[in-house]
């Protein structure tokens, strides 16, 4: 994830690997007993991962972060979103040629 707001998670394990590396991990019983602290840390320090039987099952994030992740921009095209993503070497170019033909089985 970048500071500029480009957040693309290809799959759940990829997100969990990021979240576990960047946040606090809580066992579910401890999270229940210290819910206020879990919430406060989600607001001040970022995502909090809750595990059950050693496996990540829930990620607690602040309402502000949730809004950023779910905010939709009416009429925005995927290509525009990808163009804003500042990943080194990632380029989206528009081709001038005709669309390629593919055979459907």
C-alpha atoms as a PDB file:
ATOM      1  CA  UNK A   1       0.000   0.000   0.000  1.00  0.00           C
ATOM      2  CA  UNK A   2       1.259   3.467  -0.771  1.00  0.00           C
ATOM      3  CA  UNK A   3       0.810   6.706   1.114  1.00  0.00           C
ATOM      4  CA  UNK A   4      -0.778   8.292  -1.976  1.00  0.00           C
ATOM      5  CA  UNK A   5      -3.926   6.244  -1.521  1.00  0.00           C
ATOM      6  CA  UNK A   6      -3.491   3.587  -4.176  1.00  0.00           C
ATOM      7  CA  UNK A   7      -4.677   0.397  -2.524  1.00  0.00           C
ATOM      8  CA  UNK A   8      -5.161  -2.693  -4.612  1.00  0.00           C
ATOM      9  CA  UNK A   9      -5.401  -6.041  -2.834  1.00  0.00           C
ATOM     10  CA  UNK A  10      -5.312  -8.948  -5.241  1.00  0.00           C
ATOM     11  CA  UNK A  11      -6.383 -11.493  -2.660  1.00  0.00           C
ATOM     12  CA  UNK A  12      -7.075 -11.949   1.037  1.00  0.00           C
ATOM     13  CA  UNK A  13      -3.695 -13.617   1.923  1.00  0.00           C
ATOM     14  CA  UNK A  14      -1.857 -10.688   0.333  1.00  0.00           C
ATOM     15  CA  UNK A  15      -3.812  -8.246   2.517  1.00  0.00           C
ATOM     16  CA  UNK A  16      -3.266 -10.327   5.657  1.00  0.00           C
ATOM     17  CA  UNK A  17       0.486 -10.487   4.987  1.00  0.00           C
ATOM     18  CA  UNK A  18       0.491  -6.693   4.751  1.00  0.00           C
ATOM     19  CA  UNK A  19      -1.725  -6.209   7.797  1.00  0.00           C
ATOM     20  CA  UNK A  20       0.174  -8.646  10.010  1.00  0.00           C
ATOM     21  CA  UNK A  21       3.457  -6.987   9.082  1.00  0.00           C
ATOM     22  CA  UNK A  22       2.167  -3.481   9.744  1.00  0.00           C
ATOM     23  CA  UNK A  23      -0.135  -3.830  12.730  1.00  0.00           C
ATOM     24  CA  UNK A  24      -0.892  -5.523  15.999  1.00  0.00           C
ATOM     25  CA  UNK A  25      -2.183  -9.089  16.012  1.00  0.00           C
ATOM     26  CA  UNK A  26      -4.694 -10.074  18.708  1.00  0.00           C
ATOM     27  CA  UNK A  27      -6.030 -13.474  19.708  1.00  0.00           C
ATOM     28  CA  UNK A  28      -9.834 -13.340  19.676  1.00  0.00           C
ATOM     29  CA  UNK A  29     -10.223 -13.811  23.447  1.00  0.00           C
ATOM     30  CA  UNK A  30      -7.725 -11.042  24.187  1.00  0.00           C
ATOM     31  CA  UNK A  31      -9.453  -8.764  21.652  1.00  0.00           C
ATOM     32  CA  UNK A  32     -12.799  -9.388  23.387  1.00  0.00           C
ATOM     33  CA  UNK A  33     -11.311  -8.533  26.776  1.00  0.00           C
ATOM     34  CA  UNK A  34      -9.533  -5.413  25.480  1.00  0.00           C
ATOM     35  CA  UNK A  35     -11.958  -4.215  22.803  1.00  0.00           C
ATOM     36  CA  UNK A  36     -11.573  -0.537  23.734  1.00  0.00           C
ATOM     37  CA  UNK A  37      -7.813  -0.800  23.251  1.00  0.00           C
ATOM     38  CA  UNK A  38      -8.210  -2.645  19.940  1.00  0.00           C
ATOM     39  CA  UNK A  39     -10.510   0.103  18.676  1.00  0.00           C
ATOM     40  CA  UNK A  40      -8.241   2.902  19.911  1.00  0.00           C
ATOM     41  CA  UNK A  41      -5.214   1.331  18.225  1.00  0.00           C
ATOM     42  CA  UNK A  42      -7.156   0.879  14.989  1.00  0.00           C
ATOM     43  CA  UNK A  43      -7.859   4.615  15.029  1.00  0.00           C
ATOM     44  CA  UNK A  44      -4.377   5.760  16.055  1.00  0.00           C
ATOM     45  CA  UNK A  45      -1.967   3.104  14.757  1.00  0.00           C
ATOM     46  CA  UNK A  46      -3.768   1.379  11.875  1.00  0.00           C
ATOM     47  CA  UNK A  47      -5.284  -2.011  11.125  1.00  0.00           C
ATOM     48  CA  UNK A  48      -5.604  -4.529  13.962  1.00  0.00           C
ATOM     49  CA  UNK A  49      -5.701  -8.220  13.012  1.00  0.00           C
ATOM     50  CA  UNK A  50      -7.743 -10.624  15.152  1.00  0.00           C
ATOM     51  CA  UNK A  51      -6.927 -14.318  14.948  1.00  0.00           C
ATOM     52  CA  UNK A  52      -8.892 -17.443  15.842  1.00  0.00           C
ATOM     53  CA  UNK A  53      -6.991 -20.705  16.313  1.00  0.00           C
ATOM     54  CA  UNK A  54      -3.878 -18.947  14.995  1.00  0.00           C
ATOM     55  CA  UNK A  55      -5.450 -17.873  11.703  1.00  0.00           C
ATOM     56  CA  UNK A  56      -6.384 -14.263  10.825  1.00  0.00           C
ATOM     57  CA  UNK A  57     -10.187 -13.931  10.735  1.00  0.00           C
ATOM     58  CA  UNK A  58     -10.947 -10.210  11.167  1.00  0.00           C
ATOM     59  CA  UNK A  59      -9.207  -6.903  10.541  1.00  0.00           C
ATOM     60  CA  UNK A  60     -10.381  -3.888  12.558  1.00  0.00           C
ATOM     61  CA  UNK A  61      -9.833  -0.529  10.856  1.00  0.00           C
ATOM     62  CA  UNK A  62     -10.980   3.006  11.638  1.00  0.00           C
ATOM     63  CA  UNK A  63     -14.162   4.385  10.105  1.00  0.00           C
ATOM     64  CA  UNK A  64     -12.035   6.948   8.245  1.00  0.00           C
ATOM     65  CA  UNK A  65      -9.900   4.200   6.680  1.00  0.00           C
ATOM     66  CA  UNK A  66     -13.015   2.153   5.845  1.00  0.00           C
ATOM     67  CA  UNK A  67     -14.553   5.141   4.064  1.00  0.00           C
ATOM     68  CA  UNK A  68     -11.374   5.570   1.998  1.00  0.00           C
ATOM     69  CA  UNK A  69     -11.469   1.917   0.993  1.00  0.00           C
ATOM     70  CA  UNK A  70     -15.156   1.892   0.063  1.00  0.00           C
ATOM     71  CA  UNK A  71     -15.650   5.378  -1.357  1.00  0.00           C
ATOM     72  CA  UNK A  72     -16.932   5.202  -4.895  1.00  0.00           C
ATOM     73  CA  UNK A  73     -16.441   7.846  -7.509  1.00  0.00           C
ATOM     74  CA  UNK A  74     -19.362   7.813  -9.908  1.00  0.00           C
ATOM     75  CA  UNK A  75     -18.285   7.539 -13.517  1.00  0.00           C
ATOM     76  CA  UNK A  76     -14.639   6.828 -12.751  1.00  0.00           C
ATOM     77  CA  UNK A  77     -13.046   4.323 -15.101  1.00  0.00           C
ATOM     78  CA  UNK A  78     -10.728   1.531 -13.981  1.00  0.00           C
ATOM     79  CA  UNK A  79      -7.990   2.836 -16.246  1.00  0.00           C
ATOM     80  CA  UNK A  80      -8.089   6.199 -14.407  1.00  0.00           C
ATOM     81  CA  UNK A  81      -7.708   4.454 -11.050  1.00  0.00           C
ATOM     82  CA  UNK A  82      -4.764   2.411 -12.350  1.00  0.00           C
ATOM     83  CA  UNK A  83      -3.072   5.497 -13.794  1.00  0.00           C
ATOM     84  CA  UNK A  84      -3.036   7.107 -10.326  1.00  0.00           C
ATOM     85  CA  UNK A  85      -1.284   4.085  -8.813  1.00  0.00           C
ATOM     86  CA  UNK A  86       2.381   5.058  -8.305  1.00  0.00           C
ATOM     87  CA  UNK A  87       3.907   1.584  -8.546  1.00  0.00           C
ATOM     88  CA  UNK A  88       7.376   1.678 -10.070  1.00  0.00           C
ATOM     89  CA  UNK A  89       7.300   0.429 -13.649  1.00  0.00           C
ATOM     90  CA  UNK A  90       3.486   0.240 -13.817  1.00  0.00           C
ATOM     91  CA  UNK A  91       2.282   2.000 -16.960  1.00  0.00           C
ATOM     92  CA  UNK A  92      -1.177   2.059 -18.518  1.00  0.00           C
ATOM     93  CA  UNK A  93      -1.031   3.046 -22.152  1.00  0.00           C
ATOM     94  CA  UNK A  94      -3.832   3.468 -24.627  1.00  0.00           C
ATOM     95  CA  UNK A  95      -3.206   1.788 -27.939  1.00  0.00           C
ATOM     96  CA  UNK A  96      -4.315   3.418 -31.166  1.00  0.00           C
ATOM     97  CA  UNK A  97      -4.731   0.190 -33.099  1.00  0.00           C
ATOM     98  CA  UNK A  98      -7.853  -1.912 -33.464  1.00  0.00           C
ATOM     99  CA  UNK A  99      -8.945  -4.262 -30.729  1.00  0.00           C
ATOM    100  CA  UNK A 100      -7.396  -7.688 -31.105  1.00  0.00           C
ATOM    101  CA  UNK A 101      -9.533 -10.582 -32.185  1.00  0.00           C
ATOM    102  CA  UNK A 102      -9.956 -13.562 -29.902  1.00  0.00           C
ATOM    103  CA  UNK A 103     -11.614 -16.900 -30.510  1.00  0.00           C
ATOM    104  CA  UNK A 104     -14.133 -18.085 -27.965  1.00  0.00           C
ATOM    105  CA  UNK A 105     -14.415 -21.835 -27.586  1.00  0.00           C
END
